[in-house]
C-alpha atoms as a PDB file:
ATOM      1  CA  MET A   1      44.768  60.210-171.376  1.00  0.00           C
ATOM      2  CA  ALA A   2      45.445  57.066-173.300  1.00  0.00           C
ATOM      3  CA  ILE A   3      44.228  54.219-175.377  1.00  0.00           C
ATOM      4  CA  GLY A   4      46.473  51.187-175.294  1.00  0.00           C
ATOM      5  CA  THR A   5      46.125  47.759-176.830  1.00  0.00           C
ATOM      6  CA  SER A   6      47.208  44.485-175.256  1.00  0.00           C
ATOM      7  CA  ASP A   7      50.876  43.865-174.640  1.00  0.00           C
ATOM      8  CA  THR A   8      50.550  40.439-176.262  1.00  0.00           C
ATOM      9  CA  ALA A   9      49.131  39.452-179.616  1.00  0.00           C
ATOM     10  CA  ALA A  10      45.337  39.297-179.618  1.00  0.00           C
ATOM     11  CA  ALA A  11      45.164  35.564-180.183  1.00  0.00           C
ATOM     12  CA  HIS A  12      41.738  33.956-179.960  1.00  0.00           C
ATOM     13  CA  GLY A  13      40.149  37.363-179.616  1.00  0.00           C
ATOM     14  CA  ASN A  14      41.910  38.698-176.538  1.00  0.00           C
ATOM     15  CA  HIS A  15      41.794  42.479-176.552  1.00  0.00           C
ATOM     16  CA  ARG A  16      42.652  45.151-174.002  1.00  0.00           C
ATOM     17  CA  VAL A  17      41.980  48.839-174.514  1.00  0.00           C
ATOM     18  CA  SER A  18      42.092  51.783-172.102  1.00  0.00           C
ATOM     19  CA  ILE A  19      40.961  55.384-172.298  1.00  0.00           C
ATOM     20  CA  ALA A  20      41.066  58.313-169.878  1.00  0.00           C
ATOM     21  CA  VAL A  21      37.701  59.998-169.303  1.00  0.00           C
ATOM     22  CA  GLN A  22      37.661  63.421-167.659  1.00  0.00           C
ATOM     23  CA  VAL A  23      34.982  62.549-165.101  1.00  0.00           C
ATOM     24  CA  PRO A  24      35.297  61.033-161.597  1.00  0.00           C
ATOM     25  CA  PRO A  25      35.112  57.219-161.288  1.00  0.00           C
ATOM     26  CA  GLN A  26      31.751  57.500-159.487  1.00  0.00           C
ATOM     27  CA  PHE A  27      30.204  59.247-162.486  1.00  0.00           C
ATOM     28  CA  ALA A  28      31.754  56.890-165.065  1.00  0.00           C
ATOM     29  CA  TYR A  29      30.652  53.844-163.059  1.00  0.00           C
ATOM     30  CA  ARG A  30      27.054  55.025-162.690  1.00  0.00           C
ATOM     31  CA  MET A  31      26.842  55.765-166.406  1.00  0.00           C
ATOM     32  CA  TRP A  32      28.344  52.416-167.356  1.00  0.00           C
ATOM     33  CA  THR A  33      26.021  50.422-165.097  1.00  0.00           C
ATOM     34  CA  GLN A  34      22.968  51.808-166.902  1.00  0.00           C
ATOM     35  CA  PHE A  35      23.256  48.749-169.143  1.00  0.00           C
ATOM     36  CA  GLU A  36      19.900  49.175-170.869  1.00  0.00           C
ATOM     37  CA  ARG A  37      21.134  52.533-172.203  1.00  0.00           C
ATOM     38  CA  PHE A  38      24.190  51.038-173.874  1.00  0.00           C
ATOM     39  CA  PRO A  39      22.700  51.520-177.376  1.00  0.00           C
ATOM     40  CA  SER A  40      22.825  55.248-176.611  1.00  0.00           C
ATOM     41  CA  PHE A  41      26.460  55.039-175.546  1.00  0.00           C
ATOM     42  CA  PHE A  42      27.877  52.555-178.050  1.00  0.00           C
ATOM     43  CA  LYS A  43      27.443  52.326-181.799  1.00  0.00           C
ATOM     44  CA  HIS A  44      27.901  48.551-181.971  1.00  0.00           C
ATOM     45  CA  ILE A  45      25.385  47.627-179.235  1.00  0.00           C
ATOM     46  CA  GLN A  46      21.768  47.392-180.379  1.00  0.00           C
ATOM     47  CA  GLU A  47      19.920  46.212-177.269  1.00  0.00           C
ATOM     48  CA  VAL A  48      20.523  45.133-173.674  1.00  0.00           C
ATOM     49  CA  THR A  49      17.699  43.530-171.703  1.00  0.00           C
ATOM     50  CA  LEU A  50      18.003  42.820-167.982  1.00  0.00           C
ATOM     51  CA  ASP A  51      16.428  39.790-166.359  1.00  0.00           C
ATOM     52  CA  PRO A  52      13.667  41.264-164.135  1.00  0.00           C
ATOM     53  CA  LYS A  53      14.380  38.654-161.460  1.00  0.00           C
ATOM     54  CA  ASN A  54      18.170  38.955-161.597  1.00  0.00           C
ATOM     55  CA  PRO A  55      19.775  42.124-163.061  1.00  0.00           C
ATOM     56  CA  ALA A  56      23.117  40.286-163.166  1.00  0.00           C
ATOM     57  CA  LEU A  57      21.722  38.241-166.074  1.00  0.00           C
ATOM     58  CA  GLN A  58      21.374  40.142-169.341  1.00  0.00           C
ATOM     59  CA  HIS A  59      20.509  39.512-172.978  1.00  0.00           C
ATOM     60  CA  TRP A  60      22.629  41.393-175.503  1.00  0.00           C
ATOM     61  CA  ARG A  61      22.272  42.139-179.216  1.00  0.00           C
ATOM     62  CA  GLY A  62      25.087  43.796-181.100  1.00  0.00           C
ATOM     63  CA  THR A  63      27.270  43.918-184.168  1.00  0.00           C
ATOM     64  CA  VAL A  64      30.614  42.159-183.888  1.00  0.00           C
ATOM     65  CA  LEU A  65      32.968  42.462-186.846  1.00  0.00           C
ATOM     66  CA  GLY A  66      30.055  43.387-189.076  1.00  0.00           C
ATOM     67  CA  PHE A  67      27.909  40.407-188.047  1.00  0.00           C
ATOM     68  CA  ASP A  68      24.789  40.511-185.873  1.00  0.00           C
ATOM     69  CA  GLN A  69      25.338  38.562-182.659  1.00  0.00           C
ATOM     70  CA  GLU A  70      23.200  37.731-179.621  1.00  0.00           C
ATOM     71  CA  TRP A  71      24.250  36.352-176.278  1.00  0.00           C
ATOM     72  CA  ASP A  72      23.186  35.954-172.676  1.00  0.00           C
ATOM     73  CA  ALA A  73      25.711  37.183-170.134  1.00  0.00           C
ATOM     74  CA  GLU A  74      26.103  37.138-166.394  1.00  0.00           C
ATOM     75  CA  ILE A  75      28.056  39.559-164.241  1.00  0.00           C
ATOM     76  CA  THR A  76      30.599  37.513-162.300  1.00  0.00           C
ATOM     77  CA  THR A  77      32.284  40.328-160.375  1.00  0.00           C
ATOM     78  CA  GLN A  78      31.008  43.806-159.552  1.00  0.00           C
ATOM     79  CA  VAL A  79      32.818  46.075-157.124  1.00  0.00           C
ATOM     80  CA  PRO A  80      31.323  49.598-157.251  1.00  0.00           C
ATOM     81  CA  GLU A  81      33.607  52.169-158.886  1.00  0.00           C
ATOM     82  CA  GLN A  82      36.368  49.567-159.266  1.00  0.00           C
ATOM     83  CA  VAL A  83      35.620  46.596-161.510  1.00  0.00           C
ATOM     84  CA  ILE A  84      32.882  44.850-163.477  1.00  0.00           C
ATOM     85  CA  ALA A  85      33.532  41.402-164.976  1.00  0.00           C
ATOM     86  CA  TRP A  86      31.213  39.270-167.090  1.00  0.00           C
ATOM     87  CA  ARG A  87      31.010  36.090-169.147  1.00  0.00           C
ATOM     88  CA  SER A  88      28.536  34.808-171.686  1.00  0.00           C
ATOM     89  CA  VAL A  89      26.450  31.765-170.787  1.00  0.00           C
ATOM     90  CA  LYS A  90      24.685  31.343-174.119  1.00  0.00           C
ATOM     91  CA  GLY A  91      25.223  32.472-177.684  1.00  0.00           C
ATOM     92  CA  PHE A  92      28.266  34.440-178.834  1.00  0.00           C
ATOM     93  CA  ALA A  93      31.096  33.256-176.556  1.00  0.00           C
ATOM     94  CA  ASN A  94      32.839  36.134-174.845  1.00  0.00           C
ATOM     95  CA  SER A  95      33.969  37.395-171.469  1.00  0.00           C
ATOM     96  CA  GLY A  96      35.679  40.438-170.162  1.00  0.00           C
ATOM     97  CA  SER A  97      36.205  43.003-167.490  1.00  0.00           C
ATOM     98  CA  LEU A  98      36.195  46.739-167.010  1.00  0.00           C
ATOM     99  CA  THR A  99      38.232  48.555-164.375  1.00  0.00           C
ATOM    100  CA  PHE A 100      37.755  52.125-163.141  1.00  0.00           C
ATOM    101  CA  GLU A 101      41.046  53.638-161.990  1.00  0.00           C
ATOM    102  CA  ARG A 102      41.224  57.145-160.533  1.00  0.00           C
ATOM    103  CA  THR A 103      44.041  59.194-162.047  1.00  0.00           C
ATOM    104  CA  ASP A 104      46.105  61.761-160.157  1.00  0.00           C
ATOM    105  CA  ALA A 105      43.995  64.474-161.806  1.00  0.00           C
ATOM    106  CA  GLY A 106      40.768  62.927-160.492  1.00  0.00           C
ATOM    107  CA  ALA A 107      39.696  61.575-163.878  1.00  0.00           C
ATOM    108  CA  THR A 108      38.929  57.918-164.678  1.00  0.00           C
ATOM    109  CA  LEU A 109      41.125  55.491-166.570  1.00  0.00           C
ATOM    110  CA  LEU A 110      38.748  52.930-168.083  1.00  0.00           C
ATOM    111  CA  THR A 111      40.385  49.645-169.021  1.00  0.00           C
ATOM    112  CA  VAL A 112      38.332  47.150-171.010  1.00  0.00           C
ATOM    113  CA  GLN A 113      39.487  43.580-171.541  1.00  0.00           C
ATOM    114  CA  ILE A 114      37.484  41.316-173.831  1.00  0.00           C
ATOM    115  CA  GLY A 115      38.096  37.722-174.839  1.00  0.00           C
ATOM    116  CA  TYR A 116      35.940  36.024-177.435  1.00  0.00           C
ATOM    117  CA  ASP A 117      35.911  32.968-179.683  1.00  0.00           C
ATOM    118  CA  PRO A 118      36.125  34.049-183.336  1.00  0.00           C
ATOM    119  CA  PRO A 119      33.420  32.486-185.511  1.00  0.00           C
ATOM    120  CA  LEU A 120      34.123  29.868-188.198  1.00  0.00           C
ATOM    121  CA  GLY A 121      36.407  27.703-186.054  1.00  0.00           C
ATOM    122  CA  ALA A 122      39.991  27.444-187.290  1.00  0.00           C
ATOM    123  CA  LEU A 123      39.212  29.766-190.189  1.00  0.00           C
ATOM    124  CA  GLY A 124      38.077  32.339-187.655  1.00  0.00           C
ATOM    125  CA  ASP A 125      41.353  31.949-185.759  1.00  0.00           C
ATOM    126  CA  ILE A 126      43.317  32.647-188.935  1.00  0.00           C
ATOM    127  CA  ALA A 127      41.132  35.657-189.705  1.00  0.00           C
ATOM    128  CA  GLU A 128      41.674  36.932-186.154  1.00  0.00           C
ATOM    129  CA  ILE A 129      45.426  36.880-186.702  1.00  0.00           C
ATOM    130  CA  ILE A 130      45.356  38.486-190.144  1.00  0.00           C
ATOM    131  CA  TRP A 131      42.763  41.258-189.983  1.00  0.00           C
ATOM    132  CA  VAL A 132      39.930  40.735-187.512  1.00  0.00           C
ATOM    133  CA  SER A 133      42.034  41.736-184.506  1.00  0.00           C
ATOM    134  CA  GLN A 134      42.703  45.231-185.814  1.00  0.00           C
ATOM    135  CA  ARG A 135      39.087  45.726-186.877  1.00  0.00           C
ATOM    136  CA  PHE A 136      37.797  44.655-183.468  1.00  0.00           C
ATOM    137  CA  ASP A 137      40.221  47.011-181.732  1.00  0.00           C
ATOM    138  CA  ASN A 138      39.092  49.855-184.002  1.00  0.00           C
ATOM    139  CA  ASP A 139      35.410  49.171-183.268  1.00  0.00           C
ATOM    140  CA  LEU A 140      36.101  48.984-179.538  1.00  0.00           C
ATOM    141  CA  GLU A 141      38.105  52.199-179.564  1.00  0.00           C
ATOM    142  CA  GLU A 142      35.350  53.918-181.558  1.00  0.00           C
ATOM    143  CA  ASP A 143      32.746  52.936-178.964  1.00  0.00           C
ATOM    144  CA  LEU A 144      34.946  54.006-176.051  1.00  0.00           C
ATOM    145  CA  THR A 145      35.724  57.302-177.734  1.00  0.00           C
ATOM    146  CA  GLN A 146      31.983  57.903-178.110  1.00  0.00           C
ATOM    147  CA  PHE A 147      31.397  57.006-174.461  1.00  0.00           C
ATOM    148  CA  LYS A 148      34.201  59.353-173.381  1.00  0.00           C
ATOM    149  CA  ALA A 149      32.800  62.285-175.359  1.00  0.00           C
ATOM    150  CA  LEU A 150      29.261  61.688-174.119  1.00  0.00           C
ATOM    151  CA  ALA A 151      30.311  61.195-170.478  1.00  0.00           C
ATOM    152  CA  GLU A 152      32.394  64.371-170.439  1.00  0.00           C
ATOM    153  CA  ARG A 153      29.607  66.341-172.117  1.00  0.00           C
ATOM    154  CA  LEU A 154      26.984  65.113-169.668  1.00  0.00           C
ATOM    155  CA  TYR A 155      29.262  65.689-166.675  1.00  0.00           C
ATOM    156  CA  ALA A 156      29.670  69.303-167.770  1.00  0.00           C
ATOM    157  CA  GLN A 157      25.871  69.640-167.843  1.00  0.00           C
ATOM    158  CA  THR A 158      25.058  67.773-164.656  1.00  0.00           C
ATOM    159  CA  GLN A 159      27.424  66.166-162.182  1.00  0.00           C
ATOM    160  CA  ASN A 160      24.650  63.835-161.036  1.00  0.00           C
ATOM    161  CA  PRO A 161      24.377  60.646-163.155  1.00  0.00           C
ATOM    162  CA  GLU A 162      20.874  60.053-161.785  1.00  0.00           C
ATOM    163  CA  ALA A 163      19.773  63.250-163.567  1.00  0.00           C
ATOM    164  CA  ILE A 164      20.690  61.829-166.985  1.00  0.00           C
ATOM    165  CA  THR A 165      17.271  61.378-168.571  1.00  0.00           C
ATOM    166  CA  GLU A 166      16.437  60.183-172.060  1.00  0.00           C
ATOM    167  CA  ALA A 167      15.807  63.807-173.052  1.00  0.00           C
ATOM    168  CA  VAL A 168      19.267  64.820-171.844  1.00  0.00           C
ATOM    169  CA  LEU A 169      20.834  61.906-173.691  1.00  0.00           C
ATOM    170  CA  GLU A 170      18.989  62.688-176.882  1.00  0.00           C
ATOM    171  CA  GLU A 171      20.068  66.326-176.776  1.00  0.00           C
ATOM    172  CA  ALA A 172      23.696  65.344-176.111  1.00  0.00           C
ATOM    173  CA  ARG A 173      23.702  62.834-178.967  1.00  0.00           C
ATOM    174  CA  ALA A 174      22.124  65.284-181.378  1.00  0.00           C
ATOM    175  CA  THR A 175      24.846  67.884-180.801  1.00  0.00           C
ATOM    176  CA  GLN A 176      27.768  65.486-180.475  1.00  0.00           C
ATOM    177  CA  PRO A 177      30.090  65.009-183.471  1.00  0.00           C
ATOM    178  CA  PRO A 178      30.659  61.392-184.577  1.00  0.00           C
ATOM    179  CA  ALA A 179      33.529  59.550-182.930  1.00  0.00           C
ATOM    180  CA  VAL A 180      36.564  59.181-185.161  1.00  0.00           C
ATOM    181  CA  VAL A 181      39.348  56.711-184.505  1.00  0.00           C
ATOM    182  CA  GLY A 182      42.655  56.994-186.316  1.00  0.00           C
ATOM    183  CA  GLU A 183      45.455  59.504-186.647  1.00  0.00           C
ATOM    184  CA  LYS A 184      43.266  62.263-185.198  1.00  0.00           C
ATOM    185  CA  ASP A 185      43.246  60.412-181.877  1.00  0.00           C
ATOM    186  CA  ILE A 186      46.670  61.889-181.155  1.00  0.00           C
ATOM    187  CA  ALA A 187      44.944  65.225-180.648  1.00  0.00           C
ATOM    188  CA  VAL A 188      43.147  63.903-177.561  1.00  0.00           C
ATOM    189  CA  GLY A 189      46.241  62.238-176.135  1.00  0.00           C
ATOM    190  CA  TYR A 190      46.144  58.564-177.055  1.00  0.00           C
ATOM    191  CA  GLU A 191      49.226  56.469-176.360  1.00  0.00           C
ATOM    192  CA  THR A 192      49.542  52.978-177.831  1.00  0.00           C
ATOM    193  CA  SER A 193      52.359  52.208-175.396  1.00  0.00           C
ATOM    194  CA  HIS A 194      50.129  52.428-172.322  1.00  0.00           C
ATOM    195  CA  ILE A 195      49.768  49.216-170.328  1.00  0.00           C
ATOM    196  CA  PRO A 196      46.555  49.426-168.256  1.00  0.00           C
ATOM    197  CA  GLN A 197      46.655  48.859-164.521  1.00  0.00           C
ATOM    198  CA  PRO A 198      45.198  47.368-162.507  1.00  0.00           C
ATOM    199  CA  ASN A 199      44.835  44.326-164.793  1.00  0.00           C
ATOM    200  CA  VAL A 200      42.341  41.527-164.373  1.00  0.00           C
ATOM    201  CA  ILE A 201      41.636  38.461-166.471  1.00  0.00           C
ATOM    202  CA  THR A 202      38.526  36.271-166.593  1.00  0.00           C
ATOM    203  CA  THR A 203      37.948  32.565-167.182  1.00  0.00           C
ATOM    204  CA  GLN A 204      37.186  32.845-170.897  1.00  0.00           C
ATOM    205  CA  GLU A 205      40.233  34.972-171.640  1.00  0.00           C
ATOM    206  CA  LEU A 206      42.581  32.777-169.603  1.00  0.00           C
ATOM    207  CA  ARG A 207      41.191  29.677-171.290  1.00  0.00           C
ATOM    208  CA  ASN A 208      41.692  31.270-174.703  1.00  0.00           C
ATOM    209  CA  ARG A 209      45.279  32.183-173.936  1.00  0.00           C
ATOM    210  CA  LEU A 210      46.183  28.712-172.671  1.00  0.00           C
ATOM    211  CA  ASP A 211      44.382  26.994-175.561  1.00  0.00           C
ATOM    212  CA  TRP A 212      46.331  29.177-177.951  1.00  0.00           C
ATOM    213  CA  GLY A 213      49.601  28.073-176.403  1.00  0.00           C
ATOM    214  CA  GLU A 214      50.534  31.205-174.452  1.00  0.00           C
ATOM    215  CA  ILE A 215      54.101  30.746-173.220  1.00  0.00           C
ATOM    216  CA  ALA A 216      55.035  34.223-171.955  1.00  0.00           C
ATOM    217  CA  LEU A 217      52.811  33.755-168.905  1.00  0.00           C
ATOM    218  CA  THR A 218      53.798  32.618-165.420  1.00  0.00           C
ATOM    219  CA  ILE A 219      50.814  31.388-163.375  1.00  0.00           C
ATOM    220  CA  LEU A 220      51.101  31.695-159.606  1.00  0.00           C
ATOM    221  CA  ASP A 221      48.668  29.984-157.222  1.00  0.00           C
ATOM    222  CA  VAL A 222      48.770  32.182-154.118  1.00  0.00           C
ATOM    223  CA  ARG A 223      46.555  29.901-152.000  1.00  0.00           C
ATOM    224  CA  PRO A 224      48.087  27.893-149.128  1.00  0.00           C
ATOM    225  CA  LEU A 225      50.285  24.977-150.194  1.00  0.00           C
ATOM    226  CA  GLU A 226      47.728  22.420-149.003  1.00  0.00           C
ATOM    227  CA  ALA A 227      45.095  23.846-151.360  1.00  0.00           C
ATOM    228  CA  PHE A 228      47.545  23.805-154.265  1.00  0.00           C
ATOM    229  CA  ARG A 229      48.399  20.159-153.633  1.00  0.00           C
ATOM    230  CA  ALA A 230      44.717  19.201-153.558  1.00  0.00           C
ATOM    231  CA  GLY A 231      44.126  20.722-156.987  1.00  0.00           C
ATOM    232  CA  HIS A 232      45.277  23.648-159.116  1.00  0.00           C
ATOM    233  CA  ILE A 233      45.105  25.040-162.638  1.00  0.00           C
ATOM    234  CA  ARG A 234      47.241  22.888-164.898  1.00  0.00           C
ATOM    235  CA  GLY A 235      50.604  24.540-165.398  1.00  0.00           C
ATOM    236  CA  ALA A 236      50.349  26.727-162.291  1.00  0.00           C
ATOM    237  CA  ASN A 237      53.127  27.104-159.734  1.00  0.00           C
ATOM    238  CA  THR A 238      52.612  27.266-156.006  1.00  0.00           C
ATOM    239  CA  ALA A 239      53.340  30.710-154.556  1.00  0.00           C
ATOM    240  CA  PRO A 240      51.633  31.166-151.178  1.00  0.00           C
ATOM    241  CA  ALA A 241      50.785  34.809-150.556  1.00  0.00           C
ATOM    242  CA  GLU A 242      53.411  35.197-147.826  1.00  0.00           C
ATOM    243  CA  VAL A 243      56.241  34.280-150.238  1.00  0.00           C
ATOM    244  CA  VAL A 244      54.778  35.430-153.560  1.00  0.00           C
ATOM    245  CA  GLU A 245      57.596  37.927-154.255  1.00  0.00           C
ATOM    246  CA  GLU A 246      60.286  35.291-153.730  1.00  0.00           C
ATOM    247  CA  ARG A 247      58.451  32.806-155.973  1.00  0.00           C
ATOM    248  CA  ALA A 248      57.962  35.428-158.690  1.00  0.00           C
ATOM    249  CA  TYR A 249      61.702  36.097-158.548  1.00  0.00           C
ATOM    250  CA  ASP A 250      62.477  32.362-158.814  1.00  0.00           C
ATOM    251  CA  LEU A 251      60.069  31.681-161.669  1.00  0.00           C
ATOM    252  CA  ALA A 252      59.977  34.906-163.688  1.00  0.00           C
ATOM    253  CA  GLY A 253      63.393  36.305-162.847  1.00  0.00           C
ATOM    254  CA  ARG A 254      64.395  39.700-161.571  1.00  0.00           C
ATOM    255  CA  VAL A 255      62.154  42.643-162.425  1.00  0.00           C
ATOM    256  CA  GLU A 256      64.574  43.798-165.116  1.00  0.00           C
ATOM    257  CA  GLN A 257      64.647  40.327-166.690  1.00  0.00           C
ATOM    258  CA  GLY A 258      60.918  39.685-166.427  1.00  0.00           C
ATOM    259  CA  MET A 259      59.624  42.956-167.864  1.00  0.00           C
ATOM    260  CA  ASP A 260      58.290  41.245-171.004  1.00  0.00           C
ATOM    261  CA  ARG A 261      56.746  38.309-169.169  1.00  0.00           C
ATOM    262  CA  GLN A 262      53.259  38.436-167.695  1.00  0.00           C
ATOM    263  CA  ILE A 263      52.556  37.053-164.245  1.00  0.00           C
ATOM    264  CA  LEU A 264      49.073  35.772-163.470  1.00  0.00           C
ATOM    265  CA  VAL A 265      47.981  35.306-159.872  1.00  0.00           C
ATOM    266  CA  TYR A 266      44.881  33.537-158.618  1.00  0.00           C
ATOM    267  CA  SER A 267      43.297  32.367-155.396  1.00  0.00           C
ATOM    268  CA  ASP A 268      39.669  31.469-154.719  1.00  0.00           C
ATOM    269  CA  ARG A 269      37.517  34.606-154.464  1.00  0.00           C
ATOM    270  CA  ASP A 270      39.048  35.472-151.101  1.00  0.00           C
ATOM    271  CA  GLY A 271      40.950  38.613-152.024  1.00  0.00           C
ATOM    272  CA  LEU A 272      44.381  36.983-151.808  1.00  0.00           C
ATOM    273  CA  SER A 273      45.064  37.309-155.531  1.00  0.00           C
ATOM    274  CA  ALA A 274      44.238  41.027-155.520  1.00  0.00           C
ATOM    275  CA  GLN A 275      46.618  41.553-152.600  1.00  0.00           C
ATOM    276  CA  ALA A 276      49.331  39.521-154.320  1.00  0.00           C
ATOM    277  CA  ALA A 277      48.906  41.456-157.576  1.00  0.00           C
ATOM    278  CA  THR A 278      49.254  44.747-155.698  1.00  0.00           C
ATOM    279  CA  GLN A 279      52.329  43.462-153.892  1.00  0.00           C
ATOM    280  CA  LEU A 280      54.027  42.341-157.109  1.00  0.00           C
ATOM    281  CA  ARG A 281      53.306  45.647-158.847  1.00  0.00           C
ATOM    282  CA  ALA A 282      54.778  47.490-155.877  1.00  0.00           C
ATOM    283  CA  ALA A 283      57.874  45.284-156.244  1.00  0.00           C
ATOM    284  CA  GLY A 284      58.223  46.481-159.837  1.00  0.00           C
ATOM    285  CA  TYR A 285      56.486  43.775-161.893  1.00  0.00           C
ATOM    286  CA  THR A 286      54.243  45.788-164.213  1.00  0.00           C
ATOM    287  CA  LEU A 287      52.646  42.985-166.264  1.00  0.00           C
ATOM    288  CA  VAL A 288      50.567  41.389-163.506  1.00  0.00           C
ATOM    289  CA  LEU A 289      47.120  39.918-164.131  1.00  0.00           C
ATOM    290  CA  ASP A 290      44.632  39.015-161.403  1.00  0.00           C
ATOM    291  CA  TYR A 291      42.429  36.025-162.325  1.00  0.00           C
ATOM    292  CA  VAL A 292      39.352  37.438-160.628  1.00  0.00           C
ATOM    293  CA  ASP A 293      36.999  34.478-161.129  1.00  0.00           C
ATOM    294  CA  GLY A 294      39.151  32.242-158.944  1.00  0.00           C
ATOM    295  CA  PHE A 295      39.976  28.545-158.840  1.00  0.00           C
ATOM    296  CA  SER A 296      36.408  27.453-158.090  1.00  0.00           C
ATOM    297  CA  ALA A 297      35.170  29.070-161.312  1.00  0.00           C
ATOM    298  CA  TRP A 298      37.913  27.262-163.235  1.00  0.00           C
ATOM    299  CA  GLN A 299      36.799  23.960-161.727  1.00  0.00           C
ATOM    300  CA  GLU A 300      33.107  24.658-162.307  1.00  0.00           C
ATOM    301  CA  ALA A 301      33.835  25.336-165.976  1.00  0.00           C
ATOM    302  CA  GLY A 302      35.352  21.856-166.278  1.00  0.00           C
ATOM    303  CA  LEU A 303      38.752  23.215-167.276  1.00  0.00           C
ATOM    304  CA  PRO A 304      42.087  21.380-166.779  1.00  0.00           C
ATOM    305  CA  VAL A 305      43.002  20.824-163.122  1.00  0.00           C
ATOM    306  CA  GLU A 306      45.819  18.720-161.718  1.00  0.00           C
ATOM    307  CA  THR A 307      46.845  17.560-158.261  1.00  0.00           C
ATOM    308  CA  GLN A 308      50.313  17.466-156.749  1.00  0.00           C
ATOM    309  CA  ALA A 309      50.345  13.670-157.073  1.00  0.00           C
ATOM    310  CA  ALA A 310      49.514  13.845-160.782  1.00  0.00           C
ATOM    311  CA  LEU A 311      52.159  16.527-161.249  1.00  0.00           C
ATOM    312  CA  GLU A 312      54.838  14.351-159.635  1.00  0.00           C
ATOM    313  CA  GLU A 313      53.811  11.395-161.780  1.00  0.00           C
ATOM    314  CA  ARG A 314      54.088  13.511-164.905  1.00  0.00           C
ATOM    315  CA  LYS A 315      57.594  14.649-163.915  1.00  0.00           C
ATOM    316  CA  GLN A 316      58.694  11.018-163.505  1.00  0.00           C
ATOM    317  CA  GLU A 317      57.541  10.013-166.995  1.00  0.00           C
END
């Protein structure tokens, strides 16, 4: 049972929080995917409206850092009972992911990662460093704590998420004490040292980190060498899946040396990056991120790409 914040500073609004919920992943997933009921689950969400023609497109209204915000979002990745990833396409710029990990006790470790662009430009960046980061983390933890309490209460009443009606929700909310985040969290087993796994990262968050000047991050392109040469994320290193462990060793050092350095792997929506991330974790690298959107999404977003020829020219300068 844990809540843990990101292992790196939350620059440009990058936040990662996890919490253990004493319900099976199937139950937590079905509750979470009832998006239109989010105002019942989360204090800071006011309304979620699904596009009747495409449920993957949604309009959100909520309070972020005390300010009312609206945005349109699309779900970019959805694997039942495993991961949901999204990005905004209009309005308040944000993206994120949620993973559902089954614990040894059969509970669910929820890991939420959110990247967003602070308002007010450079002033917003400064505010993010000074005080906004902590406030956002507190708000996020408060909402997750409320979701945890409600999910566990409802699971005790009915183990079927389809049986959760508005009447059941209303009764549970009416008898549920308010969520409190702070020193009292220790009583329910929070650990700030927890590093969530499995880890995923989306386009917006990766862009934010690179724009900010993230240096403790080794990017590995696990596609075949020919694909890397044709075009890759600027700053990435080639590490074909069959030799990814050797390349991680060469670039990030031995496991003992690279414990404080994150490794990011990506492919192109073909499952290679997920396999590589699993392989590296099994080898002992704990800070591994899987860029789930893939290289095509990076290209489609118009973000920096370079070819092998351009890379060689840059080295000769």
